[in-house]
Amino acid sequence: MSHYSLRQWSKAFALLFGIFFIICLLWSYLIADPMLQKLHMDILRFSLPGFSGMDATSVVIGLVESIAFGLILGLAIASSLNIFAKR
């Protein structure tokens, strides 16, 4: 029987989500079309409550939310895998 570590999975997903958030911020600078850049920022504002733009406070809020979502998703996946491994 395999055991999936909740701590390892949650840390891994938190790190992954944090890195993806930073990549998304960098990607928004690389988009040349203003309409696509506005769409990208609107999607970030919609998916991360509290994120309002590229100011420092908003970036920290977005990063913290991304890491929190990663922690929650990692816990949920590892818990589900542990439950299904028992069956």
N, C-alpha and C. Protein backbone atom coordinates (compact mmCIF):
# COMPACT_ATOMS: atom_id res chain seq x y z
N MET A 1 0.85 -1.17 0.00
CA MET A 1 0.00 0.00 0.00
C MET A 1 0.90 1.24 0.00
N SER A 2 0.59 2.18 -0.85
CA SER A 2 1.39 3.41 -0.91
C SER A 2 0.73 4.50 -0.08
N HIS A 3 1.56 5.35 0.45
CA HIS A 3 1.08 6.47 1.26
C HIS A 3 1.61 7.75 0.63
N TYR A 4 0.70 8.66 0.32
CA TYR A 4 1.07 9.94 -0.28
C TYR A 4 1.16 11.00 0.81
N SER A 5 2.31 11.62 0.93
CA SER A 5 2.54 12.60 1.99
C SER A 5 1.78 13.89 1.69
N LEU A 6 0.91 14.27 2.61
CA LEU A 6 0.14 15.50 2.45
C LEU A 6 1.06 16.72 2.41
N ARG A 7 2.08 16.72 3.26
CA ARG A 7 3.00 17.85 3.33
C ARG A 7 3.78 18.01 2.03
N GLN A 8 4.29 16.91 1.48
CA GLN A 8 5.07 17.00 0.26
C GLN A 8 4.23 17.44 -0.93
N TRP A 9 3.03 16.85 -1.05
CA TRP A 9 2.17 17.21 -2.18
C TRP A 9 1.71 18.66 -2.08
N SER A 10 1.37 19.12 -0.89
CA SER A 10 0.90 20.50 -0.75
C SER A 10 2.03 21.49 -1.01
N LYS A 11 3.24 21.19 -0.53
CA LYS A 11 4.38 22.07 -0.81
C LYS A 11 4.71 22.09 -2.30
N ALA A 12 4.64 20.95 -2.95
CA ALA A 12 4.94 20.89 -4.37
C ALA A 12 3.93 21.70 -5.19
N PHE A 13 2.65 21.55 -4.88
CA PHE A 13 1.64 22.31 -5.61
C PHE A 13 1.72 23.81 -5.30
N ALA A 14 2.04 24.15 -4.05
CA ALA A 14 2.19 25.57 -3.69
C ALA A 14 3.34 26.19 -4.48
N LEU A 15 4.45 25.49 -4.56
CA LEU A 15 5.60 25.98 -5.32
C LEU A 15 5.24 26.11 -6.81
N LEU A 16 4.58 25.11 -7.35
CA LEU A 16 4.18 25.12 -8.75
C LEU A 16 3.24 26.29 -9.05
N PHE A 17 2.24 26.51 -8.21
CA PHE A 17 1.30 27.61 -8.43
C PHE A 17 2.00 28.96 -8.29
N GLY A 18 2.92 29.08 -7.33
CA GLY A 18 3.67 30.33 -7.18
C GLY A 18 4.51 30.62 -8.41
N ILE A 19 5.17 29.60 -8.93
CA ILE A 19 5.99 29.78 -10.15
C ILE A 19 5.11 30.14 -11.33
N PHE A 20 3.96 29.48 -11.47
CA PHE A 20 3.05 29.81 -12.57
C PHE A 20 2.55 31.25 -12.47
N PHE A 21 2.31 31.73 -11.26
CA PHE A 21 1.86 33.11 -11.09
C PHE A 21 2.94 34.08 -11.55
N ILE A 22 4.18 33.83 -11.17
CA ILE A 22 5.29 34.69 -11.60
C ILE A 22 5.44 34.65 -13.12
N ILE A 23 5.32 33.46 -13.70
CA ILE A 23 5.39 33.34 -15.16
C ILE A 23 4.26 34.12 -15.82
N CYS A 24 3.06 34.07 -15.25
CA CYS A 24 1.94 34.83 -15.81
C CYS A 24 2.20 36.34 -15.75
N LEU A 25 2.79 36.80 -14.66
CA LEU A 25 3.12 38.23 -14.57
C LEU A 25 4.16 38.62 -15.61
N LEU A 26 5.18 37.80 -15.77
CA LEU A 26 6.21 38.09 -16.78
C LEU A 26 5.63 38.02 -18.19
N TRP A 27 4.72 37.07 -18.39
CA TRP A 27 4.10 36.92 -19.71
C TRP A 27 3.28 38.16 -20.08
N SER A 28 2.66 38.79 -19.09
CA SER A 28 1.84 39.97 -19.38
C SER A 28 2.70 41.12 -19.92
N TYR A 29 3.99 41.16 -19.57
CA TYR A 29 4.88 42.18 -20.12
C TYR A 29 5.31 41.85 -21.54
N LEU A 30 5.30 40.58 -21.89
CA LEU A 30 5.76 40.17 -23.22
C LEU A 30 4.67 40.25 -24.29
N ILE A 31 3.42 40.37 -23.88
CA ILE A 31 2.32 40.45 -24.84
C ILE A 31 2.36 41.82 -25.50
N ALA A 32 2.41 41.82 -26.81
CA ALA A 32 2.54 43.08 -27.55
C ALA A 32 1.18 43.75 -27.80
N ASP A 33 0.15 42.97 -28.03
CA ASP A 33 -1.16 43.52 -28.34
C ASP A 33 -1.84 44.05 -27.07
N PRO A 34 -2.24 45.33 -27.06
CA PRO A 34 -2.87 45.89 -25.84
C PRO A 34 -4.17 45.20 -25.45
N MET A 35 -4.94 44.74 -26.44
CA MET A 35 -6.19 44.04 -26.12
C MET A 35 -5.92 42.70 -25.43
N LEU A 36 -4.92 41.97 -25.91
CA LEU A 36 -4.56 40.71 -25.26
C LEU A 36 -3.99 40.94 -23.87
N GLN A 37 -3.23 42.01 -23.72
CA GLN A 37 -2.68 42.34 -22.42
C GLN A 37 -3.80 42.69 -21.43
N LYS A 38 -4.80 43.43 -21.89
CA LYS A 38 -5.94 43.76 -21.04
C LYS A 38 -6.73 42.50 -20.68
N LEU A 39 -6.93 41.61 -21.66
CA LEU A 39 -7.63 40.36 -21.40
C LEU A 39 -6.87 39.52 -20.37
N HIS A 40 -5.57 39.44 -20.52
CA HIS A 40 -4.74 38.67 -19.59
C HIS A 40 -4.86 39.23 -18.17
N MET A 41 -4.79 40.54 -18.03
CA MET A 41 -4.91 41.14 -16.71
C MET A 41 -6.32 40.96 -16.14
N ASP A 42 -7.34 41.03 -17.00
CA ASP A 42 -8.71 40.81 -16.53
C ASP A 42 -8.90 39.38 -16.03
N ILE A 43 -8.27 38.42 -16.71
CA ILE A 43 -8.36 37.03 -16.26
C ILE A 43 -7.67 36.87 -14.90
N LEU A 44 -6.52 37.51 -14.72
CA LEU A 44 -5.84 37.46 -13.43
C LEU A 44 -6.69 38.12 -12.34
N ARG A 45 -7.32 39.24 -12.66
CA ARG A 45 -8.18 39.92 -11.67
C ARG A 45 -9.38 39.06 -11.31
N PHE A 46 -9.92 38.35 -12.29
CA PHE A 46 -11.10 37.51 -12.04
C PHE A 46 -10.74 36.28 -11.22
N SER A 47 -9.61 35.66 -11.53
CA SER A 47 -9.27 34.40 -10.88
C SER A 47 -8.61 34.59 -9.51
N LEU A 48 -8.05 35.76 -9.25
CA LEU A 48 -7.39 36.02 -7.97
C LEU A 48 -8.03 37.24 -7.30
N PRO A 49 -8.98 37.03 -6.40
CA PRO A 49 -9.61 38.16 -5.71
C PRO A 49 -8.56 38.98 -4.94
N GLY A 50 -8.62 40.27 -5.09
CA GLY A 50 -7.65 41.15 -4.44
C GLY A 50 -6.55 41.60 -5.37
N PHE A 51 -6.36 40.89 -6.47
CA PHE A 51 -5.35 41.28 -7.46
C PHE A 51 -5.95 42.38 -8.33
N SER A 52 -5.29 43.56 -8.34
CA SER A 52 -5.85 44.68 -9.09
C SER A 52 -4.95 45.19 -10.20
N GLY A 53 -3.71 44.79 -10.22
CA GLY A 53 -2.81 45.26 -11.26
C GLY A 53 -1.39 44.87 -10.96
N MET A 54 -0.46 45.68 -11.45
CA MET A 54 0.95 45.34 -11.32
C MET A 54 1.65 46.09 -10.18
N ASP A 55 0.89 46.64 -9.23
CA ASP A 55 1.55 47.28 -8.09
C ASP A 55 2.03 46.22 -7.10
N ALA A 56 2.92 46.61 -6.21
CA ALA A 56 3.58 45.66 -5.32
C ALA A 56 2.59 44.94 -4.40
N THR A 57 1.64 45.67 -3.85
CA THR A 57 0.66 45.06 -2.94
C THR A 57 -0.16 44.00 -3.66
N SER A 58 -0.58 44.32 -4.85
CA SER A 58 -1.40 43.40 -5.62
C SER A 58 -0.62 42.15 -6.02
N VAL A 59 0.65 42.31 -6.35
CA VAL A 59 1.49 41.16 -6.71
C VAL A 59 1.68 40.25 -5.51
N VAL A 60 1.90 40.82 -4.33
CA VAL A 60 2.06 40.01 -3.12
C VAL A 60 0.77 39.28 -2.81
N ILE A 61 -0.37 39.97 -2.92
CA ILE A 61 -1.67 39.32 -2.68
C ILE A 61 -1.88 38.18 -3.66
N GLY A 62 -1.60 38.41 -4.93
CA GLY A 62 -1.75 37.37 -5.94
C GLY A 62 -0.85 36.18 -5.69
N LEU A 63 0.39 36.44 -5.27
CA LEU A 63 1.33 35.35 -4.99
C LEU A 63 0.88 34.54 -3.78
N VAL A 64 0.43 35.22 -2.74
CA VAL A 64 -0.05 34.52 -1.55
C VAL A 64 -1.29 33.69 -1.87
N GLU A 65 -2.21 34.25 -2.65
CA GLU A 65 -3.41 33.49 -3.04
C GLU A 65 -3.04 32.28 -3.89
N SER A 66 -2.11 32.45 -4.82
CA SER A 66 -1.70 31.33 -5.66
C SER A 66 -1.09 30.22 -4.83
N ILE A 67 -0.24 30.59 -3.88
CA ILE A 67 0.37 29.58 -3.01
C ILE A 67 -0.69 28.91 -2.14
N ALA A 68 -1.64 29.67 -1.64
CA ALA A 68 -2.72 29.09 -0.83
C ALA A 68 -3.56 28.12 -1.66
N PHE A 69 -3.88 28.49 -2.90
CA PHE A 69 -4.64 27.59 -3.77
C PHE A 69 -3.85 26.31 -4.02
N GLY A 70 -2.54 26.44 -4.21
CA GLY A 70 -1.69 25.27 -4.41
C GLY A 70 -1.67 24.36 -3.20
N LEU A 71 -1.58 24.97 -2.00
CA LEU A 71 -1.61 24.17 -0.77
C LEU A 71 -2.91 23.39 -0.65
N ILE A 72 -4.02 24.06 -0.91
CA ILE A 72 -5.32 23.42 -0.79
C ILE A 72 -5.47 22.31 -1.83
N LEU A 73 -5.07 22.57 -3.06
CA LEU A 73 -5.18 21.56 -4.11
C LEU A 73 -4.26 20.37 -3.82
N GLY A 74 -3.06 20.63 -3.35
CA GLY A 74 -2.15 19.54 -3.00
C GLY A 74 -2.70 18.67 -1.88
N LEU A 75 -3.27 19.31 -0.87
CA LEU A 75 -3.89 18.54 0.22
C LEU A 75 -5.06 17.70 -0.29
N ALA A 76 -5.87 18.29 -1.15
CA ALA A 76 -7.04 17.57 -1.67
C ALA A 76 -6.62 16.38 -2.53
N ILE A 77 -5.63 16.57 -3.39
CA ILE A 77 -5.20 15.47 -4.26
C ILE A 77 -4.53 14.37 -3.46
N ALA A 78 -3.64 14.72 -2.55
CA ALA A 78 -2.96 13.70 -1.75
C ALA A 78 -3.96 12.95 -0.87
N SER A 79 -4.93 13.65 -0.30
CA SER A 79 -5.94 12.98 0.52
C SER A 79 -6.78 12.02 -0.33
N SER A 80 -7.16 12.48 -1.52
CA SER A 80 -7.93 11.61 -2.41
C SER A 80 -7.13 10.37 -2.82
N LEU A 81 -5.86 10.57 -3.14
CA LEU A 81 -5.02 9.43 -3.51
C LEU A 81 -4.86 8.45 -2.36
N ASN A 82 -4.73 8.97 -1.14
CA ASN A 82 -4.64 8.08 0.01
C ASN A 82 -5.92 7.29 0.23
N ILE A 83 -7.05 7.94 0.04
CA ILE A 83 -8.34 7.25 0.20
C ILE A 83 -8.49 6.16 -0.85
N PHE A 84 -8.17 6.49 -2.10
CA PHE A 84 -8.34 5.51 -3.17
C PHE A 84 -7.30 4.41 -3.11
N ALA A 85 -6.14 4.68 -2.52
CA ALA A 85 -5.10 3.64 -2.39
C ALA A 85 -5.52 2.57 -1.37
N LYS A 86 -6.36 2.95 -0.42
CA LYS A 86 -6.82 2.00 0.60
C LYS A 86 -7.81 0.99 0.02
N ARG A 87 -8.47 1.36 -1.06
CA ARG A 87 -9.50 0.49 -1.62
C ARG A 87 -8.94 -0.54 -2.55
